[in-house]
Amino acid sequence: MNPLVNLNGKRGLVVGIANEQSIATGCTQAFRQAGARIGATYLNDKARPFVEPVTDRLGVEWIEPCDVQEAGALESLFAKIEREWGGLDFLLHSIAFAPKEDLHGRLVDSSANGFAKAMDISCHSFLRMARFAEPLMPNGGSLMCVTFYGSERVVDHYNLMGPVKAALESATRYLAAELGAKDIRANAISPGPIATRAAGGLDQFDRILAQAAEQAPEKEPISITDVGALAAFLASDAARRITGTIIPVDAGQHIIA
């Protein structure tokens, strides 16, 4: 292990574990390997049987239900963090959602309600988490979210999520500017296509995966382990002067026109 990536004693919140293939799972594994204490969320009772085996295997200290659209859910979650730990050192936001009919249709045809729901869950919830985390980070901390290069380039069938992820990236930069004086960093991780359950909701995702493997200079697929390695670094003190960045983990695909 790189001794610079040392999370011993640090307390981290992970939002977004759905199953073993989740990006948040790869990040949690890396956090734990670096010595962090982790609390995690699951969406609801239906999701818990898929999440709990992952969190048990990885040694997550506690799990808590959290539907970010449910009134009081985030308040309850951060109250638990304060009770359990008295503070927080980092958090990972790895959730996104858009109604299927809006995600699979043209952006110009997207409904106002569908667009608003996608923006609330995928972007604004990160801002709300940052607001609750701020008083729990008196000595600074790290806020991380997960984005995709469809935010800045048009990716076939990514549709509604392109503008939503662009908003998430802009929100990350503004968070970095607003919270930097308190030594709270904000960064977005931008993985290449990975075969997660969430990605499976995209139309023709297999073609997006194949295209990425063909375009990327390294000609290798991206894994959740690759993403986890970067997340652990960003959570560590080694990244204390890195903030407001959108960092690709895509085998170099982002440099190809």
C-alpha atoms as a PDB file:
ATOM      1  CA  MET A   1       0.000   0.000   0.000  1.00  0.00           C
ATOM      2  CA  ASN A   2       1.187   3.511  -0.801  1.00  0.00           C
ATOM      3  CA  PRO A   3       1.947   5.013   2.632  1.00  0.00           C
ATOM      4  CA  LEU A   4       0.701   8.399   1.405  1.00  0.00           C
ATOM      5  CA  VAL A   5      -2.806   6.954   1.085  1.00  0.00           C
ATOM      6  CA  ASN A   6      -3.383   6.495   4.785  1.00  0.00           C
ATOM      7  CA  LEU A   7      -6.947   6.720   6.078  1.00  0.00           C
ATOM      8  CA  ASN A   8      -6.302   5.242   9.515  1.00  0.00           C
ATOM      9  CA  GLY A   9      -8.872   6.614  11.929  1.00  0.00           C
ATOM     10  CA  LYS A  10     -10.702   8.659   9.307  1.00  0.00           C
ATOM     11  CA  ARG A  11     -14.485   8.384   9.237  1.00  0.00           C
ATOM     12  CA  GLY A  12     -16.221   8.202   5.891  1.00  0.00           C
ATOM     13  CA  LEU A  13     -19.795   8.053   4.625  1.00  0.00           C
ATOM     14  CA  VAL A  14     -20.550   6.126   1.420  1.00  0.00           C
ATOM     15  CA  VAL A  15     -23.854   6.704  -0.364  1.00  0.00           C
ATOM     16  CA  GLY A  16     -24.535   4.530  -3.361  1.00  0.00           C
ATOM     17  CA  ILE A  17     -23.747   0.863  -2.693  1.00  0.00           C
ATOM     18  CA  ALA A  18     -26.362  -1.190  -4.561  1.00  0.00           C
ATOM     19  CA  ASN A  19     -24.547  -4.525  -4.962  1.00  0.00           C
ATOM     20  CA  GLU A  20     -21.093  -6.042  -5.463  1.00  0.00           C
ATOM     21  CA  GLN A  21     -20.669  -4.358  -8.856  1.00  0.00           C
ATOM     22  CA  SER A  22     -21.346  -0.801  -7.664  1.00  0.00           C
ATOM     23  CA  ILE A  23     -18.697   1.879  -8.060  1.00  0.00           C
ATOM     24  CA  ALA A  24     -19.373   2.709  -4.412  1.00  0.00           C
ATOM     25  CA  THR A  25     -18.431  -0.884  -3.518  1.00  0.00           C
ATOM     26  CA  GLY A  26     -15.021  -0.526  -5.149  1.00  0.00           C
ATOM     27  CA  CYS A  27     -14.502   2.760  -3.330  1.00  0.00           C
ATOM     28  CA  THR A  28     -15.567   1.314   0.020  1.00  0.00           C
ATOM     29  CA  GLN A  29     -13.124  -1.542  -0.383  1.00  0.00           C
ATOM     30  CA  ALA A  30     -10.299   0.906  -1.062  1.00  0.00           C
ATOM     31  CA  PHE A  31     -11.281   3.092   1.883  1.00  0.00           C
ATOM     32  CA  ARG A  32     -11.280   0.106   4.203  1.00  0.00           C
ATOM     33  CA  GLN A  33      -7.948  -1.213   2.877  1.00  0.00           C
ATOM     34  CA  ALA A  34      -6.453   2.203   3.661  1.00  0.00           C
ATOM     35  CA  GLY A  35      -7.723   1.983   7.248  1.00  0.00           C
ATOM     36  CA  ALA A  36     -10.895   4.102   7.206  1.00  0.00           C
ATOM     37  CA  ARG A  37     -13.983   3.564   9.303  1.00  0.00           C
ATOM     38  CA  ILE A  38     -17.042   3.506   7.059  1.00  0.00           C
ATOM     39  CA  GLY A  39     -20.763   4.048   7.441  1.00  0.00           C
ATOM     40  CA  ALA A  40     -22.961   3.411   4.420  1.00  0.00           C
ATOM     41  CA  THR A  41     -26.540   3.803   3.258  1.00  0.00           C
ATOM     42  CA  TYR A  42     -29.062   1.656   1.455  1.00  0.00           C
ATOM     43  CA  LEU A  43     -32.082   2.968  -0.415  1.00  0.00           C
ATOM     44  CA  ASN A  44     -34.900   1.036   1.271  1.00  0.00           C
ATOM     45  CA  ASP A  45     -35.922  -2.359   2.664  1.00  0.00           C
ATOM     46  CA  LYS A  46     -36.062  -3.816  -0.848  1.00  0.00           C
ATOM     47  CA  ALA A  47     -32.426  -2.850  -1.462  1.00  0.00           C
ATOM     48  CA  ARG A  48     -31.035  -3.910   1.921  1.00  0.00           C
ATOM     49  CA  PRO A  49     -30.606  -7.657   1.119  1.00  0.00           C
ATOM     50  CA  PHE A  50     -28.319  -6.702  -1.791  1.00  0.00           C
ATOM     51  CA  VAL A  51     -26.337  -4.102   0.157  1.00  0.00           C
ATOM     52  CA  GLU A  52     -25.859  -5.823   3.521  1.00  0.00           C
ATOM     53  CA  PRO A  53     -23.724  -8.742   2.252  1.00  0.00           C
ATOM     54  CA  VAL A  54     -21.357  -6.186   0.687  1.00  0.00           C
ATOM     55  CA  THR A  55     -21.095  -4.006   3.765  1.00  0.00           C
ATOM     56  CA  ASP A  56     -20.676  -7.048   6.032  1.00  0.00           C
ATOM     57  CA  ARG A  57     -17.874  -8.399   3.848  1.00  0.00           C
ATOM     58  CA  LEU A  58     -16.064  -5.073   3.795  1.00  0.00           C
ATOM     59  CA  GLY A  59     -16.364  -4.418   7.517  1.00  0.00           C
ATOM     60  CA  VAL A  60     -18.594  -1.366   7.302  1.00  0.00           C
ATOM     61  CA  GLU A  61     -19.402  -0.213  10.850  1.00  0.00           C
ATOM     62  CA  TRP A  62     -23.049   0.638  10.299  1.00  0.00           C
ATOM     63  CA  ILE A  63     -25.632   1.035   7.563  1.00  0.00           C
ATOM     64  CA  GLU A  64     -28.617   3.348   7.513  1.00  0.00           C
ATOM     65  CA  PRO A  65     -31.594   3.683   5.128  1.00  0.00           C
ATOM     66  CA  CYS A  66     -31.526   6.852   3.049  1.00  0.00           C
ATOM     67  CA  ASP A  67     -33.824   7.864   0.213  1.00  0.00           C
ATOM     68  CA  VAL A  68     -32.650  11.402  -0.538  1.00  0.00           C
ATOM     69  CA  GLN A  69     -36.117  12.354  -1.780  1.00  0.00           C
ATOM     70  CA  GLU A  70     -37.752  11.395   1.499  1.00  0.00           C
ATOM     71  CA  ALA A  71     -38.334  14.276   3.900  1.00  0.00           C
ATOM     72  CA  GLY A  72     -35.984  14.089   6.873  1.00  0.00           C
ATOM     73  CA  ALA A  73     -33.858  11.239   5.494  1.00  0.00           C
ATOM     74  CA  LEU A  74     -30.604  13.199   5.284  1.00  0.00           C
ATOM     75  CA  GLU A  75     -31.253  14.909   8.604  1.00  0.00           C
ATOM     76  CA  SER A  76     -31.635  11.473  10.219  1.00  0.00           C
ATOM     77  CA  LEU A  77     -28.520  10.134   8.494  1.00  0.00           C
ATOM     78  CA  PHE A  78     -26.256  12.973   9.589  1.00  0.00           C
ATOM     79  CA  ALA A  79     -27.709  12.944  13.095  1.00  0.00           C
ATOM     80  CA  LYS A  80     -26.601   9.308  13.279  1.00  0.00           C
ATOM     81  CA  ILE A  81     -23.115  10.253  12.125  1.00  0.00           C
ATOM     82  CA  GLU A  82     -22.896  12.861  14.856  1.00  0.00           C
ATOM     83  CA  ARG A  83     -24.117  10.364  17.478  1.00  0.00           C
ATOM     84  CA  GLU A  84     -21.869   7.528  16.340  1.00  0.00           C
ATOM     85  CA  TRP A  85     -18.685   9.414  15.505  1.00  0.00           C
ATOM     86  CA  GLY A  86     -19.023  13.035  16.552  1.00  0.00           C
ATOM     87  CA  GLY A  87     -17.674  14.148  13.183  1.00  0.00           C
ATOM     88  CA  LEU A  88     -16.918  13.154   9.589  1.00  0.00           C
ATOM     89  CA  ASP A  89     -13.743  13.226   7.490  1.00  0.00           C
ATOM     90  CA  PHE A  90     -15.010  12.374   4.008  1.00  0.00           C
ATOM     91  CA  LEU A  91     -18.074  11.385   2.059  1.00  0.00           C
ATOM     92  CA  LEU A  92     -18.703   9.771  -1.308  1.00  0.00           C
ATOM     93  CA  HIS A  93     -21.884  10.576  -3.252  1.00  0.00           C
ATOM     94  CA  SER A  94     -22.381   7.854  -5.862  1.00  0.00           C
ATOM     95  CA  ILE A  95     -26.078   7.964  -6.700  1.00  0.00           C
ATOM     96  CA  ALA A  96     -27.931   8.975  -9.851  1.00  0.00           C
ATOM     97  CA  PHE A  97     -31.420   8.433 -11.199  1.00  0.00           C
ATOM     98  CA  ALA A  98     -33.672   9.483 -14.057  1.00  0.00           C
ATOM     99  CA  PRO A  99     -37.128   8.128 -14.893  1.00  0.00           C
ATOM    100  CA  LYS A 100     -36.812   5.526 -17.640  1.00  0.00           C
ATOM    101  CA  GLU A 101     -39.151   7.280 -20.035  1.00  0.00           C
ATOM    102  CA  ASP A 102     -37.107  10.474 -19.792  1.00  0.00           C
ATOM    103  CA  LEU A 103     -33.722   8.722 -19.857  1.00  0.00           C
ATOM    104  CA  HIS A 104     -34.542   6.728 -22.997  1.00  0.00           C
ATOM    105  CA  GLY A 105     -36.175   9.594 -24.863  1.00  0.00           C
ATOM    106  CA  ARG A 106     -34.755  12.693 -26.498  1.00  0.00           C
ATOM    107  CA  LEU A 107     -33.547  15.423 -24.170  1.00  0.00           C
ATOM    108  CA  VAL A 108     -35.815  17.919 -25.921  1.00  0.00           C
ATOM    109  CA  ASP A 109     -38.794  15.698 -25.069  1.00  0.00           C
ATOM    110  CA  SER A 110     -37.910  15.221 -21.401  1.00  0.00           C
ATOM    111  CA  SER A 111     -40.651  16.063 -18.922  1.00  0.00           C
ATOM    112  CA  ALA A 112     -40.264  18.859 -16.399  1.00  0.00           C
ATOM    113  CA  ASN A 113     -40.948  16.420 -13.563  1.00  0.00           C
ATOM    114  CA  GLY A 114     -38.475  13.842 -14.892  1.00  0.00           C
ATOM    115  CA  PHE A 115     -35.754  16.424 -15.364  1.00  0.00           C
ATOM    116  CA  ALA A 116     -36.348  17.852 -11.894  1.00  0.00           C
ATOM    117  CA  LYS A 117     -36.250  14.401 -10.297  1.00  0.00           C
ATOM    118  CA  ALA A 118     -33.013  13.490 -12.057  1.00  0.00           C
ATOM    119  CA  MET A 119     -31.459  16.783 -10.989  1.00  0.00           C
ATOM    120  CA  ASP A 120     -32.631  16.460  -7.387  1.00  0.00           C
ATOM    121  CA  ILE A 121     -31.350  12.922  -6.833  1.00  0.00           C
ATOM    122  CA  SER A 122     -28.233  13.063  -8.992  1.00  0.00           C
ATOM    123  CA  CYS A 123     -27.020  16.597  -8.248  1.00  0.00           C
ATOM    124  CA  HIS A 124     -28.812  18.619  -5.592  1.00  0.00           C
ATOM    125  CA  SER A 125     -28.595  15.784  -3.052  1.00  0.00           C
ATOM    126  CA  PHE A 126     -24.795  16.208  -3.168  1.00  0.00           C
ATOM    127  CA  LEU A 127     -25.218  19.852  -2.182  1.00  0.00           C
ATOM    128  CA  ARG A 128     -27.561  18.903   0.653  1.00  0.00           C
ATOM    129  CA  MET A 129     -25.077  16.318   1.921  1.00  0.00           C
ATOM    130  CA  ALA A 130     -22.326  18.925   1.810  1.00  0.00           C
ATOM    131  CA  ARG A 131     -24.448  21.297   3.874  1.00  0.00           C
ATOM    132  CA  PHE A 132     -25.002  18.661   6.575  1.00  0.00           C
ATOM    133  CA  ALA A 133     -21.371  17.505   6.448  1.00  0.00           C
ATOM    134  CA  GLU A 134     -19.875  20.985   6.806  1.00  0.00           C
ATOM    135  CA  PRO A 135     -20.401  21.380  10.577  1.00  0.00           C
ATOM    136  CA  LEU A 136     -19.105  17.823  11.106  1.00  0.00           C
ATOM    137  CA  MET A 137     -15.791  18.711   9.412  1.00  0.00           C
ATOM    138  CA  PRO A 138     -14.297  21.384  11.717  1.00  0.00           C
ATOM    139  CA  ASN A 139     -10.773  20.283  10.769  1.00  0.00           C
ATOM    140  CA  GLY A 140     -11.488  19.959   7.061  1.00  0.00           C
ATOM    141  CA  GLY A 141     -12.551  17.031   4.934  1.00  0.00           C
ATOM    142  CA  SER A 142     -13.161  15.618   1.484  1.00  0.00           C
ATOM    143  CA  LEU A 143     -16.412  15.606  -0.497  1.00  0.00           C
ATOM    144  CA  MET A 144     -16.484  13.352  -3.554  1.00  0.00           C
ATOM    145  CA  CYS A 145     -19.079  12.592  -6.212  1.00  0.00           C
ATOM    146  CA  VAL A 146     -19.165  10.419  -9.322  1.00  0.00           C
ATOM    147  CA  THR A 147     -19.738  11.870 -12.790  1.00  0.00           C
ATOM    148  CA  PHE A 148     -19.276  10.775 -16.439  1.00  0.00           C
ATOM    149  CA  TYR A 149     -17.741  12.387 -19.523  1.00  0.00           C
ATOM    150  CA  GLY A 150     -21.208  12.550 -21.100  1.00  0.00           C
ATOM    151  CA  SER A 151     -21.369  15.815 -19.145  1.00  0.00           C
ATOM    152  CA  GLU A 152     -19.066  17.579 -21.598  1.00  0.00           C
ATOM    153  CA  ARG A 153     -19.400  15.515 -24.784  1.00  0.00           C
ATOM    154  CA  VAL A 154     -22.508  14.107 -26.379  1.00  0.00           C
ATOM    155  CA  VAL A 155     -22.646  10.360 -25.756  1.00  0.00           C
ATOM    156  CA  ASP A 156     -25.305   8.471 -27.687  1.00  0.00           C
ATOM    157  CA  HIS A 157     -28.200   7.408 -25.448  1.00  0.00           C
ATOM    158  CA  TYR A 158     -26.882   9.251 -22.380  1.00  0.00           C
ATOM    159  CA  ASN A 159     -29.546  11.860 -23.086  1.00  0.00           C
ATOM    160  CA  LEU A 160     -30.999  13.561 -19.992  1.00  0.00           C
ATOM    161  CA  MET A 161     -28.096  12.568 -17.752  1.00  0.00           C
ATOM    162  CA  GLY A 162     -25.609  14.664 -19.756  1.00  0.00           C
ATOM    163  CA  PRO A 163     -26.925  18.040 -18.563  1.00  0.00           C
ATOM    164  CA  VAL A 164     -27.527  16.626 -15.075  1.00  0.00           C
ATOM    165  CA  LYS A 165     -23.909  15.470 -14.713  1.00  0.00           C
ATOM    166  CA  ALA A 166     -22.716  18.811 -16.108  1.00  0.00           C
ATOM    167  CA  ALA A 167     -24.637  20.498 -13.297  1.00  0.00           C
ATOM    168  CA  LEU A 168     -23.066  18.114 -10.763  1.00  0.00           C
ATOM    169  CA  GLU A 169     -19.580  19.019 -11.976  1.00  0.00           C
ATOM    170  CA  SER A 170     -20.333  22.745 -11.795  1.00  0.00           C
ATOM    171  CA  ALA A 171     -21.769  22.259  -8.295  1.00  0.00           C
ATOM    172  CA  THR A 172     -18.527  20.526  -7.296  1.00  0.00           C
ATOM    173  CA  ARG A 173     -16.462  23.510  -8.387  1.00  0.00           C
ATOM    174  CA  TYR A 174     -18.697  25.938  -6.503  1.00  0.00           C
ATOM    175  CA  LEU A 175     -18.559  23.770  -3.375  1.00  0.00           C
ATOM    176  CA  ALA A 176     -14.773  23.773  -3.589  1.00  0.00           C
ATOM    177  CA  ALA A 177     -14.749  27.580  -3.790  1.00  0.00           C
ATOM    178  CA  GLU A 178     -17.244  28.085  -0.967  1.00  0.00           C
ATOM    179  CA  LEU A 179     -15.805  25.545   1.488  1.00  0.00           C
ATOM    180  CA  GLY A 180     -12.102  25.822   0.703  1.00  0.00           C
ATOM    181  CA  ALA A 181     -11.414  28.300   3.499  1.00  0.00           C
ATOM    182  CA  LYS A 182     -12.516  25.577   5.925  1.00  0.00           C
ATOM    183  CA  ASP A 183     -10.144  23.058   4.316  1.00  0.00           C
ATOM    184  CA  ILE A 184     -13.112  21.104   2.947  1.00  0.00           C
ATOM    185  CA  ARG A 185     -12.288  19.833  -0.529  1.00  0.00           C
ATOM    186  CA  ALA A 186     -14.755  18.882  -3.280  1.00  0.00           C
ATOM    187  CA  ASN A 187     -13.836  16.758  -6.275  1.00  0.00           C
ATOM    188  CA  ALA A 188     -15.665  14.723  -8.907  1.00  0.00           C
ATOM    189  CA  ILE A 189     -14.436  11.344 -10.148  1.00  0.00           C
ATOM    190  CA  SER A 190     -15.231  10.634 -13.792  1.00  0.00           C
ATOM    191  CA  PRO A 191     -14.900   6.917 -14.592  1.00  0.00           C
ATOM    192  CA  GLY A 192     -15.115   5.457 -18.043  1.00  0.00           C
ATOM    193  CA  PRO A 193     -18.081   3.153 -18.708  1.00  0.00           C
ATOM    194  CA  ILE A 194     -18.389   0.346 -16.122  1.00  0.00           C
ATOM    195  CA  ALA A 195     -20.986  -2.425 -16.177  1.00  0.00           C
ATOM    196  CA  THR A 196     -22.890  -1.482 -13.037  1.00  0.00           C
ATOM    197  CA  ARG A 197     -26.598  -1.997 -12.385  1.00  0.00           C
ATOM    198  CA  ALA A 198     -27.263   1.725 -12.828  1.00  0.00           C
ATOM    199  CA  ALA A 199     -25.430   1.831 -16.159  1.00  0.00           C
ATOM    200  CA  GLY A 200     -27.520  -1.098 -17.341  1.00  0.00           C
ATOM    201  CA  GLY A 201     -30.484   1.267 -17.422  1.00  0.00           C
ATOM    202  CA  LEU A 202     -28.949   3.168 -20.342  1.00  0.00           C
ATOM    203  CA  ASP A 203     -30.140   2.222 -23.800  1.00  0.00           C
ATOM    204  CA  GLN A 204     -27.471   0.285 -25.798  1.00  0.00           C
ATOM    205  CA  PHE A 205     -24.970   0.419 -22.951  1.00  0.00           C
ATOM    206  CA  ASP A 206     -23.077  -2.582 -24.335  1.00  0.00           C
ATOM    207  CA  ARG A 207     -22.218  -0.478 -27.367  1.00  0.00           C
ATOM    208  CA  ILE A 208     -20.973   2.352 -25.130  1.00  0.00           C
ATOM    209  CA  LEU A 209     -18.702  -0.139 -23.319  1.00  0.00           C
ATOM    210  CA  ALA A 210     -17.329  -1.536 -26.583  1.00  0.00           C
ATOM    211  CA  GLN A 211     -16.690   1.930 -27.982  1.00  0.00           C
ATOM    212  CA  ALA A 212     -14.817   2.955 -24.837  1.00  0.00           C
ATOM    213  CA  ALA A 213     -12.540  -0.095 -25.033  1.00  0.00           C
ATOM    214  CA  GLU A 214     -11.817   0.679 -28.691  1.00  0.00           C
ATOM    215  CA  GLN A 215     -11.098   4.389 -28.153  1.00  0.00           C
ATOM    216  CA  ALA A 216      -9.103   4.342 -24.913  1.00  0.00           C
ATOM    217  CA  PRO A 217      -5.318   4.509 -25.424  1.00  0.00           C
ATOM    218  CA  GLU A 218      -4.723   1.823 -22.810  1.00  0.00           C
ATOM    219  CA  LYS A 219      -7.259  -0.502 -24.501  1.00  0.00           C
ATOM    220  CA  GLU A 220      -8.341  -1.801 -21.119  1.00  0.00           C
ATOM    221  CA  PRO A 221     -11.736  -1.825 -19.408  1.00  0.00           C
ATOM    222  CA  ILE A 222     -12.243   0.276 -16.271  1.00  0.00           C
ATOM    223  CA  SER A 223     -13.003  -1.495 -13.008  1.00  0.00           C
ATOM    224  CA  ILE A 224     -14.535  -0.390  -9.743  1.00  0.00           C
ATOM    225  CA  THR A 225     -11.131  -1.101  -8.193  1.00  0.00           C
ATOM    226  CA  ASP A 226      -9.566   1.571 -10.423  1.00  0.00           C
ATOM    227  CA  VAL A 227     -12.125   4.091  -9.243  1.00  0.00           C
ATOM    228  CA  GLY A 228     -11.655   3.064  -5.614  1.00  0.00           C
ATOM    229  CA  ALA A 229      -7.913   3.717  -5.774  1.00  0.00           C
ATOM    230  CA  LEU A 230      -8.519   7.324  -6.818  1.00  0.00           C
ATOM    231  CA  ALA A 231     -11.281   7.823  -4.257  1.00  0.00           C
ATOM    232  CA  ALA A 232      -9.020   6.625  -1.422  1.00  0.00           C
ATOM    233  CA  PHE A 233      -6.323   9.053  -2.540  1.00  0.00           C
ATOM    234  CA  LEU A 234      -8.783  11.964  -2.659  1.00  0.00           C
ATOM    235  CA  ALA A 235     -10.004  11.109   0.840  1.00  0.00           C
ATOM    236  CA  SER A 236      -6.461  11.119   2.186  1.00  0.00           C
ATOM    237  CA  ASP A 237      -4.283  13.965   3.412  1.00  0.00           C
ATOM    238  CA  ALA A 238      -2.055  13.380   0.385  1.00  0.00           C
ATOM    239  CA  ALA A 239      -4.756  15.153  -1.660  1.00  0.00           C
ATOM    240  CA  ARG A 240      -5.143  18.072   0.765  1.00  0.00           C
ATOM    241  CA  ARG A 241      -4.351  20.644  -1.932  1.00  0.00           C
ATOM    242  CA  ILE A 242      -6.500  19.104  -4.666  1.00  0.00           C
ATOM    243  CA  THR A 243      -9.987  20.567  -4.904  1.00  0.00           C
ATOM    244  CA  GLY A 244     -12.518  21.630  -7.500  1.00  0.00           C
ATOM    245  CA  THR A 245     -11.292  19.047  -9.987  1.00  0.00           C
ATOM    246  CA  ILE A 246     -13.027  16.620 -12.345  1.00  0.00           C
ATOM    247  CA  ILE A 247     -10.647  13.655 -12.519  1.00  0.00           C
ATOM    248  CA  PRO A 248     -11.017  11.002 -15.255  1.00  0.00           C
ATOM    249  CA  VAL A 249     -10.388   7.314 -14.600  1.00  0.00           C
ATOM    250  CA  ASP A 250     -10.970   6.050 -18.126  1.00  0.00           C
ATOM    251  CA  ALA A 251      -7.726   4.594 -19.512  1.00  0.00           C
ATOM    252  CA  GLY A 252      -7.254   7.859 -21.400  1.00  0.00           C
ATOM    253  CA  GLN A 253     -10.497   7.851 -23.368  1.00  0.00           C
ATOM    254  CA  HIS A 254     -11.135  11.524 -22.537  1.00  0.00           C
ATOM    255  CA  ILE A 255      -8.153  12.677 -24.611  1.00  0.00           C
ATOM    256  CA  ILE A 256      -9.455  11.121 -27.837  1.00  0.00           C
ATOM    257  CA  ALA A 257     -11.507  13.344 -30.145  1.00  0.00           C
END
